[in-house]
Amino acid sequence: MDLKQLWKQRRTGFWNGILPYLGYVIQSGVAMVFLFLVIAFSAWYTSFVQHIPAGFPIRWITLLLLAPLVLFSSYRTYLHPADIVFLRPQEYRMHEYLKNSFARGIIYKTLGMLLVFVTLWPLYVRADQDARPFGWFILLLLLWKGLSSYGAWQELRMVQIGAARGYRLLRWALAVLAVAAWLWQPPQRSIWFLLLLAVVYIVALRIPSKHRVSWERLIQVEKGQAGRVMRTLGWFVDVPSSGQKVSSRRWLSKWGSGLPWNAGKAYRYLITKTFIRTEVFSIVVRLVVLGMLLSWWTAGSYFGIGVYLFFLLLAGVQLGALRRSHSESFWIMIYPISGESRRSQVLGFISNLHALVALLMWLPMLAAGWSGLSMTIAALVLGVLVIYLMRRSQGNKWLKEEEDE
């Protein structure tokens, strides 16, 4: 069996199943919106670089932008549950299959990191009087990106889940520490420190026991990656549902448990638990945190309003995916709950949560003070309008889907 060819066939088969939906994505207007945002950002960024405010925290901004990109590692293996039986006899040759996943996982993420770095460089070199050399900076990012990707791959092979989680936290801490040391410490001192850090990390990775091929974990990761692609397409067009990662999140388990046990709250209870335990929760939290930071940074400007509305729209799209969470469940259809009650409960939960997100991202805009009060109020009014329009759009889509069925 040619394992390299098998990997290519599976990759081609997966993306051939995705391509028919891309036309609908383009027709939805997302390409025009993206082009408009690129043009608007380019104009604002050019103006900002030419008029950088005094005391601008460029090193913190650089750390917040580059450290996550250095850390981010994901791999597409295209493995299926049946491979545990049919490919396991070839386990001693699986490095031929998996090395494509490892290489592709590094290359594409590295290109994205370099694109952000090159975009950030004009601002960094003008705002930091003690800016690091361009070539050395890129070399550091490339080396640490490769080290972080290697560490993430080794985490997937570790026998114990607890060890993998511990090493993931270690990798995050070391990556943030490495970028911070390079930004704040003298170059010669930081280079020796980073070399020592890298050597210690590589040696530490040899300690945990590892599988030659961690079949169950790789299949689970692949299922989550494929599901994420399909859920993204689901923002624009109806696609076949795919499994998603479910997390217990015990610290939030009581949320929703206080709802009355009656038909009027049954679906709200279900959708609350679904939100807590799926990836939608973590994605929305990240969007809120990033949106709050950018709202504070751009407070009191027209661009700040655009940033606020953009993140509010992204959060609304993510929350809107909740209404499809159980659309294909047989048990939902036999519950003694009317379709109208189900719609009102779900849309009410999404709208309330969307309003909370809007408030959290709006509060940092108050940093603009009295001078930017008109902009701050305008952002709030437009945010309320976005919430209303998105709820109305989701309700209309739901009714249309029911009529088509």
Protein backbone atom coordinates (compact mmCIF):
# COMPACT_ATOMS: atom_id res chain seq x y z
CA MET A 1 0.00 0.00 0.00
CA ASP A 2 1.33 3.44 -0.97
CA LEU A 3 0.63 5.47 2.18
CA LYS A 4 1.75 8.76 0.65
CA GLN A 5 -0.74 8.31 -2.18
CA LEU A 6 -3.45 7.33 0.30
CA TRP A 7 -2.96 10.59 2.21
CA LYS A 8 -3.18 12.60 -1.02
CA GLN A 9 -6.33 10.76 -2.11
CA ARG A 10 -8.04 11.42 1.19
CA ARG A 11 -7.03 15.07 1.17
CA THR A 12 -8.31 15.48 -2.39
CA GLY A 13 -11.55 13.69 -1.53
CA PHE A 14 -12.22 15.91 1.47
CA TRP A 15 -11.65 19.18 -0.38
CA ASN A 16 -13.60 18.00 -3.42
CA GLY A 17 -16.54 17.69 -1.05
CA ILE A 18 -15.97 21.27 0.16
CA LEU A 19 -15.51 23.03 -3.18
CA PRO A 20 -19.20 22.88 -4.29
CA TYR A 21 -20.15 24.97 -1.25
CA LEU A 22 -17.59 27.73 -1.88
CA GLY A 23 -19.68 29.17 -4.70
CA TYR A 24 -22.53 29.78 -2.25
CA VAL A 25 -20.10 31.41 0.17
CA ILE A 26 -18.95 33.85 -2.53
CA GLN A 27 -22.55 34.55 -3.57
CA SER A 28 -23.39 35.47 0.03
CA GLY A 29 -21.32 38.65 -0.35
CA VAL A 30 -18.56 37.62 2.03
CA ALA A 31 -15.92 38.31 -0.65
CA MET A 32 -17.10 41.90 -1.09
CA VAL A 33 -17.27 42.45 2.67
CA PHE A 34 -13.77 41.05 3.08
CA LEU A 35 -12.44 43.28 0.28
CA PHE A 36 -14.09 46.33 1.84
CA LEU A 37 -12.58 45.51 5.24
CA VAL A 38 -9.12 45.10 3.71
CA ILE A 39 -9.38 48.49 1.97
CA ALA A 40 -10.71 50.20 5.12
CA PHE A 41 -8.03 48.63 7.30
CA SER A 42 -5.29 49.59 4.83
CA ALA A 43 -6.38 53.23 4.82
CA TRP A 44 -6.66 53.39 8.61
CA TYR A 45 -3.40 51.53 9.19
CA THR A 46 -1.45 53.80 6.82
CA SER A 47 -2.78 56.87 8.61
CA PHE A 48 -2.06 55.38 12.03
CA VAL A 49 1.55 54.48 11.15
CA GLN A 50 2.14 58.07 10.09
CA HIS A 51 0.69 59.48 13.32
CA ILE A 52 1.61 57.06 16.10
CA PRO A 53 0.51 58.42 19.51
CA ALA A 54 3.15 58.96 22.18
CA GLY A 55 3.61 56.07 24.59
CA PHE A 56 2.00 53.58 22.22
CA PRO A 57 2.48 50.08 23.75
CA ILE A 58 3.97 48.55 20.61
CA ARG A 59 5.80 45.76 22.42
CA TRP A 60 2.64 44.56 24.13
CA ILE A 61 0.73 44.75 20.84
CA THR A 62 3.49 42.78 19.10
CA LEU A 63 3.44 40.16 21.84
CA LEU A 64 -0.36 39.80 21.70
CA LEU A 65 -0.32 39.41 17.91
CA LEU A 66 2.71 37.18 17.37
CA ALA A 67 2.73 34.86 20.39
CA PRO A 68 -0.62 33.18 19.49
CA LEU A 69 0.56 32.73 15.89
CA VAL A 70 3.79 31.13 17.08
CA LEU A 71 1.74 28.81 19.29
CA PHE A 72 -1.06 27.88 16.91
CA SER A 73 -0.55 24.37 15.56
CA SER A 74 -3.08 22.00 14.02
CA TYR A 75 -2.78 18.99 11.77
CA ARG A 76 -5.10 17.34 9.24
CA THR A 77 -4.47 13.58 9.12
CA TYR A 78 -7.70 12.55 7.31
CA LEU A 79 -7.81 9.41 9.44
CA HIS A 80 -11.11 7.51 9.89
CA PRO A 81 -12.29 5.28 12.76
CA ALA A 82 -11.98 2.20 10.52
CA ASP A 83 -8.24 2.89 10.17
CA ILE A 84 -7.71 1.47 13.65
CA VAL A 85 -8.48 -1.93 12.10
CA PHE A 86 -7.38 -1.65 8.49
CA LEU A 87 -4.28 0.57 8.76
CA ARG A 88 -2.97 -0.68 12.08
CA PRO A 89 -0.99 -3.53 10.47
CA GLN A 90 0.93 -0.75 8.66
CA GLU A 91 1.69 1.14 11.87
CA TYR A 92 5.44 0.67 11.48
CA ARG A 93 5.18 2.57 8.13
CA MET A 94 2.73 5.27 9.21
CA HIS A 95 5.49 7.89 9.32
CA GLU A 96 5.22 7.90 5.50
CA TYR A 97 1.56 8.85 5.83
CA LEU A 98 1.79 11.30 8.73
CA LYS A 99 4.80 13.31 7.59
CA ASN A 100 2.60 15.01 4.98
CA SER A 101 0.23 16.12 7.75
CA PHE A 102 3.12 17.42 9.85
CA ALA A 103 4.74 19.34 6.96
CA ARG A 104 1.49 20.89 5.74
CA GLY A 105 0.50 21.81 9.28
CA ILE A 106 3.70 23.84 9.68
CA ILE A 107 3.92 25.45 6.23
CA TYR A 108 0.47 27.06 6.07
CA LYS A 109 0.54 28.33 9.66
CA THR A 110 4.04 29.75 9.11
CA LEU A 111 2.93 31.64 6.00
CA GLY A 112 0.06 33.19 7.95
CA MET A 113 2.41 34.19 10.77
CA LEU A 114 4.84 35.82 8.34
CA LEU A 115 2.01 37.73 6.65
CA VAL A 116 0.96 39.23 9.98
CA PHE A 117 4.58 40.00 10.88
CA VAL A 118 5.29 41.79 7.59
CA THR A 119 2.07 43.80 8.02
CA LEU A 120 3.00 44.71 11.59
CA TRP A 121 6.63 45.58 10.82
CA PRO A 122 6.12 49.23 9.62
CA LEU A 123 4.28 50.03 12.86
CA TYR A 124 6.79 48.16 15.03
CA VAL A 125 9.91 49.72 13.54
CA ARG A 126 8.48 53.24 13.78
CA ALA A 127 7.02 52.93 17.27
CA ASP A 128 9.89 51.09 19.00
CA GLN A 129 13.10 53.11 19.23
CA ASP A 130 15.01 49.93 20.08
CA ALA A 131 13.47 47.74 17.37
CA ARG A 132 15.05 44.35 16.73
CA PRO A 133 16.63 43.68 13.29
CA PHE A 134 14.18 42.42 10.67
CA GLY A 135 16.18 39.34 9.69
CA TRP A 136 16.90 38.21 13.24
CA PHE A 137 13.25 38.73 14.18
CA ILE A 138 12.02 36.53 11.33
CA LEU A 139 14.62 33.89 12.16
CA LEU A 140 13.45 33.80 15.77
CA LEU A 141 9.80 33.43 14.75
CA LEU A 142 10.60 30.66 12.27
CA LEU A 143 12.72 28.68 14.71
CA TRP A 144 10.25 28.98 17.55
CA LYS A 145 7.32 28.23 15.27
CA GLY A 146 9.05 25.01 14.22
CA LEU A 147 9.82 24.11 17.82
CA SER A 148 6.25 24.81 18.93
CA SER A 149 4.85 22.75 16.05
CA TYR A 150 7.15 19.87 16.92
CA GLY A 151 6.02 20.08 20.55
CA ALA A 152 2.35 20.07 19.53
CA TRP A 153 2.95 16.96 17.40
CA GLN A 154 4.64 15.18 20.31
CA GLU A 155 1.68 16.06 22.55
CA LEU A 156 -0.59 14.13 20.19
CA ARG A 157 1.60 11.03 20.67
CA MET A 158 1.73 11.11 24.47
CA VAL A 159 0.16 8.13 26.22
CA GLN A 160 -1.29 10.06 29.17
CA ILE A 161 -3.84 12.80 28.53
CA GLY A 162 -2.71 14.64 31.67
CA ALA A 163 0.87 14.74 30.40
CA ALA A 164 -0.28 16.13 27.05
CA ARG A 165 -2.23 18.90 28.76
CA GLY A 166 0.68 19.74 31.02
CA TYR A 167 3.08 19.95 28.09
CA ARG A 168 0.59 22.09 26.19
CA LEU A 169 0.61 24.62 29.03
CA LEU A 170 4.41 24.43 29.09
CA ARG A 171 4.57 25.10 25.35
CA TRP A 172 2.29 28.12 25.69
CA ALA A 173 4.31 29.54 28.57
CA LEU A 174 7.64 29.07 26.79
CA ALA A 175 6.41 30.62 23.53
CA VAL A 176 5.09 33.73 25.28
CA LEU A 177 8.27 33.94 27.37
CA ALA A 178 10.46 33.59 24.26
CA VAL A 179 8.74 36.38 22.31
CA ALA A 180 8.65 38.62 25.39
CA ALA A 181 12.35 38.06 26.11
CA TRP A 182 13.22 38.95 22.52
CA LEU A 183 11.16 42.15 22.65
CA TRP A 184 12.27 43.46 26.04
CA GLN A 185 15.79 42.09 26.64
CA PRO A 186 19.03 43.00 24.85
CA PRO A 187 19.53 40.84 21.72
CA GLN A 188 22.70 39.01 22.80
CA ARG A 189 21.32 38.12 26.21
CA SER A 190 17.95 37.02 24.82
CA ILE A 191 19.55 34.81 22.12
CA TRP A 192 21.50 32.79 24.68
CA PHE A 193 18.42 32.58 26.90
CA LEU A 194 16.27 31.34 24.02
CA LEU A 195 18.80 28.71 23.00
CA LEU A 196 18.91 27.41 26.57
CA LEU A 197 15.11 27.44 26.72
CA ALA A 198 14.83 25.48 23.46
CA VAL A 199 17.34 22.84 24.56
CA VAL A 200 15.59 22.32 27.89
CA TYR A 201 12.20 22.02 26.15
CA ILE A 202 13.48 19.46 23.61
CA VAL A 203 14.99 17.37 26.39
CA ALA A 204 11.76 17.63 28.41
CA LEU A 205 9.75 16.33 25.43
CA ARG A 206 11.70 13.06 25.57
CA ILE A 207 10.48 12.24 29.08
CA PRO A 208 6.78 11.23 28.60
CA SER A 209 5.86 7.86 27.13
CA LYS A 210 4.51 8.08 23.59
CA HIS A 211 2.61 5.92 21.14
CA ARG A 212 4.12 5.24 17.78
CA VAL A 213 0.73 6.29 16.39
CA SER A 214 -1.95 7.55 18.77
CA TRP A 215 -4.86 6.32 16.68
CA GLU A 216 -7.78 7.34 18.89
CA ARG A 217 -6.45 10.83 19.57
CA LEU A 218 -5.53 11.54 15.95
CA ILE A 219 -8.95 10.39 14.77
CA GLN A 220 -10.65 12.57 17.38
CA VAL A 221 -8.55 15.59 16.37
CA GLU A 222 -9.29 15.00 12.69
CA LYS A 223 -13.01 14.76 13.43
CA GLY A 224 -12.86 18.12 15.21
CA GLN A 225 -10.90 19.75 12.37
CA ALA A 226 -13.31 18.51 9.71
CA GLY A 227 -16.29 19.55 11.83
CA ARG A 228 -14.86 23.05 12.21
CA VAL A 229 -14.61 23.44 8.44
CA MET A 230 -18.20 22.30 7.95
CA ARG A 231 -19.52 24.58 10.70
CA THR A 232 -17.77 27.53 9.06
CA LEU A 233 -19.48 26.72 5.76
CA GLY A 234 -22.73 26.37 7.70
CA TRP A 235 -22.70 30.13 8.28
CA PHE A 236 -23.51 30.61 4.59
CA VAL A 237 -25.20 27.44 3.32
CA ASP A 238 -26.83 24.28 4.63
CA VAL A 239 -24.21 21.55 4.92
CA PRO A 240 -24.29 18.04 6.39
CA SER A 241 -23.84 18.18 10.15
CA SER A 242 -20.57 16.96 11.57
CA GLY A 243 -19.54 15.93 15.04
CA GLN A 244 -17.93 18.45 17.31
CA LYS A 245 -15.88 18.36 20.44
CA VAL A 246 -17.90 18.34 23.67
CA SER A 247 -16.34 19.64 26.90
CA SER A 248 -17.78 19.12 30.37
CA ARG A 249 -16.85 22.59 31.76
CA ARG A 250 -18.00 21.74 35.25
CA TRP A 251 -17.41 25.28 36.46
CA LEU A 252 -20.31 26.38 34.22
CA SER A 253 -22.48 23.29 34.63
CA LYS A 254 -25.00 25.08 36.89
CA TRP A 255 -25.79 27.64 34.20
CA GLY A 256 -29.26 26.76 33.00
CA SER A 257 -29.97 24.25 35.76
CA GLY A 258 -32.16 26.76 37.55
CA LEU A 259 -34.66 26.95 34.70
CA PRO A 260 -38.15 25.63 35.52
CA TRP A 261 -38.89 22.09 34.35
CA ASN A 262 -41.71 22.77 31.92
CA ALA A 263 -42.30 22.77 28.17
CA GLY A 264 -41.84 26.54 27.99
CA LYS A 265 -38.21 26.26 29.11
CA ALA A 266 -37.21 22.77 27.95
CA TYR A 267 -35.51 23.78 24.70
CA ARG A 268 -33.87 26.78 26.35
CA TYR A 269 -32.32 24.38 28.87
CA LEU A 270 -31.02 22.18 26.05
CA ILE A 271 -29.56 25.05 24.04
CA THR A 272 -27.94 26.54 27.16
CA LYS A 273 -26.15 23.27 27.90
CA THR A 274 -25.21 22.95 24.24
CA PHE A 275 -23.62 26.40 24.25
CA ILE A 276 -21.66 25.69 27.44
CA ARG A 277 -20.23 22.36 26.30
CA THR A 278 -19.39 22.98 22.63
CA GLU A 279 -16.72 24.95 20.80
CA VAL A 280 -19.10 27.86 20.23
CA PHE A 281 -18.51 28.93 23.83
CA SER A 282 -14.73 29.08 23.53
CA ILE A 283 -14.90 30.84 20.15
CA VAL A 284 -17.29 33.51 21.46
CA VAL A 285 -15.12 34.07 24.55
CA ARG A 286 -12.07 34.64 22.35
CA LEU A 287 -14.00 37.03 20.13
CA VAL A 288 -15.22 38.99 23.15
CA VAL A 289 -11.76 39.32 24.67
CA LEU A 290 -10.18 40.40 21.38
CA GLY A 291 -13.12 42.69 20.60
CA MET A 292 -12.81 44.37 24.01
CA LEU A 293 -9.10 45.00 23.50
CA LEU A 294 -9.58 46.45 20.01
CA SER A 295 -12.61 48.51 21.10
CA TRP A 296 -10.51 50.06 23.85
CA TRP A 297 -7.62 50.66 21.46
CA THR A 298 -9.76 52.34 18.75
CA ALA A 299 -12.28 54.05 21.06
CA GLY A 300 -13.60 57.41 19.94
CA SER A 301 -13.04 56.92 16.18
CA TYR A 302 -15.08 55.90 13.17
CA PHE A 303 -12.76 52.94 12.69
CA GLY A 304 -13.50 51.94 16.30
CA ILE A 305 -17.21 51.77 15.47
CA GLY A 306 -16.41 49.58 12.48
CA VAL A 307 -14.27 47.26 14.59
CA TYR A 308 -17.00 47.00 17.22
CA LEU A 309 -19.70 46.17 14.68
CA PHE A 310 -17.44 43.70 12.88
CA PHE A 311 -16.75 41.69 16.03
CA LEU A 312 -20.40 41.93 17.04
CA LEU A 313 -21.33 40.49 13.64
CA LEU A 314 -18.80 37.66 14.02
CA ALA A 315 -20.13 36.80 17.47
CA GLY A 316 -23.69 36.82 16.13
CA VAL A 317 -22.77 34.43 13.33
CA GLN A 318 -21.16 32.05 15.82
CA LEU A 319 -24.16 32.19 18.17
CA GLY A 320 -26.52 31.74 15.23
CA ALA A 321 -24.98 28.30 14.65
CA LEU A 322 -26.68 27.14 17.86
CA ARG A 323 -30.07 26.91 16.16
CA ARG A 324 -28.72 24.09 13.96
CA SER A 325 -27.18 22.16 16.83
CA HIS A 326 -29.98 19.59 17.12
CA SER A 327 -31.74 20.10 13.81
CA GLU A 328 -31.19 16.46 12.76
CA SER A 329 -31.92 14.87 16.13
CA PHE A 330 -34.80 12.40 16.02
CA TRP A 331 -35.61 12.86 19.69
CA ILE A 332 -36.09 16.61 19.32
CA MET A 333 -38.85 15.99 16.82
CA ILE A 334 -40.89 13.77 19.18
CA TYR A 335 -40.73 16.08 22.19
CA PRO A 336 -44.13 17.64 23.02
CA ILE A 337 -42.87 21.13 22.14
CA SER A 338 -44.36 23.18 19.34
CA GLY A 339 -42.18 24.57 16.59
CA GLU A 340 -43.13 28.12 17.54
CA SER A 341 -42.08 27.57 21.15
CA ARG A 342 -38.81 26.02 20.03
CA ARG A 343 -38.03 28.99 17.78
CA SER A 344 -38.85 31.57 20.43
CA GLN A 345 -36.74 29.82 23.09
CA VAL A 346 -33.69 29.42 20.89
CA LEU A 347 -33.84 32.87 19.30
CA GLY A 348 -34.49 34.44 22.70
CA PHE A 349 -31.42 32.76 24.18
CA ILE A 350 -29.24 33.76 21.21
CA SER A 351 -30.45 37.38 21.30
CA ASN A 352 -29.93 37.74 25.06
CA LEU A 353 -26.44 36.30 24.78
CA HIS A 354 -25.70 38.51 21.78
CA ALA A 355 -26.82 41.54 23.78
CA LEU A 356 -24.48 40.59 26.64
CA VAL A 357 -21.60 40.24 24.17
CA ALA A 358 -22.44 43.64 22.69
CA LEU A 359 -22.41 45.26 26.14
CA LEU A 360 -19.08 43.70 27.12
CA MET A 361 -17.39 44.83 23.92
CA TRP A 362 -18.95 48.30 24.16
CA LEU A 363 -17.82 49.11 27.71
CA PRO A 364 -14.12 49.61 26.79
CA MET A 365 -15.20 52.31 24.31
CA LEU A 366 -16.04 54.50 27.30
CA ALA A 367 -12.29 55.03 27.62
CA ALA A 368 -12.66 57.70 24.92
CA GLY A 369 -14.21 59.96 27.57
CA TRP A 370 -16.44 62.96 26.91
CA SER A 371 -14.61 63.88 23.71
CA GLY A 372 -15.67 60.63 22.07
CA LEU A 373 -19.10 60.31 23.69
CA SER A 374 -21.01 60.82 20.42
CA MET A 375 -19.02 58.00 18.78
CA THR A 376 -19.57 55.74 21.77
CA ILE A 377 -23.34 56.30 21.78
CA ALA A 378 -23.50 55.82 17.99
CA ALA A 379 -21.70 52.48 18.35
CA LEU A 380 -24.22 51.33 20.98
CA VAL A 381 -27.21 52.32 18.84
CA LEU A 382 -25.78 50.58 15.78
CA GLY A 383 -24.97 47.53 17.91
CA VAL A 384 -28.59 47.26 19.05
CA LEU A 385 -29.67 47.55 15.42
CA VAL A 386 -27.30 44.73 14.41
CA ILE A 387 -28.72 42.47 17.13
CA TYR A 388 -32.29 43.18 16.03
CA LEU A 389 -31.54 42.60 12.33
CA MET A 390 -29.67 39.36 13.00
CA ARG A 391 -32.49 37.98 15.13
CA ARG A 392 -35.02 38.90 12.48
CA SER A 393 -32.89 37.31 9.75
CA GLN A 394 -32.43 34.10 11.75
CA GLY A 395 -36.15 33.90 12.45
CA ASN A 396 -37.02 34.34 8.78
CA LYS A 397 -34.49 31.69 7.73
CA TRP A 398 -35.90 29.26 10.27
CA LEU A 399 -39.46 29.77 9.02
CA LYS A 400 -38.34 29.36 5.40
CA GLU A 401 -36.51 26.12 6.21
CA GLU A 402 -39.60 24.72 7.90
CA GLU A 403 -41.75 25.65 4.92
CA ASP A 404 -39.29 23.98 2.51
CA GLU A 405 -39.42 20.80 4.57
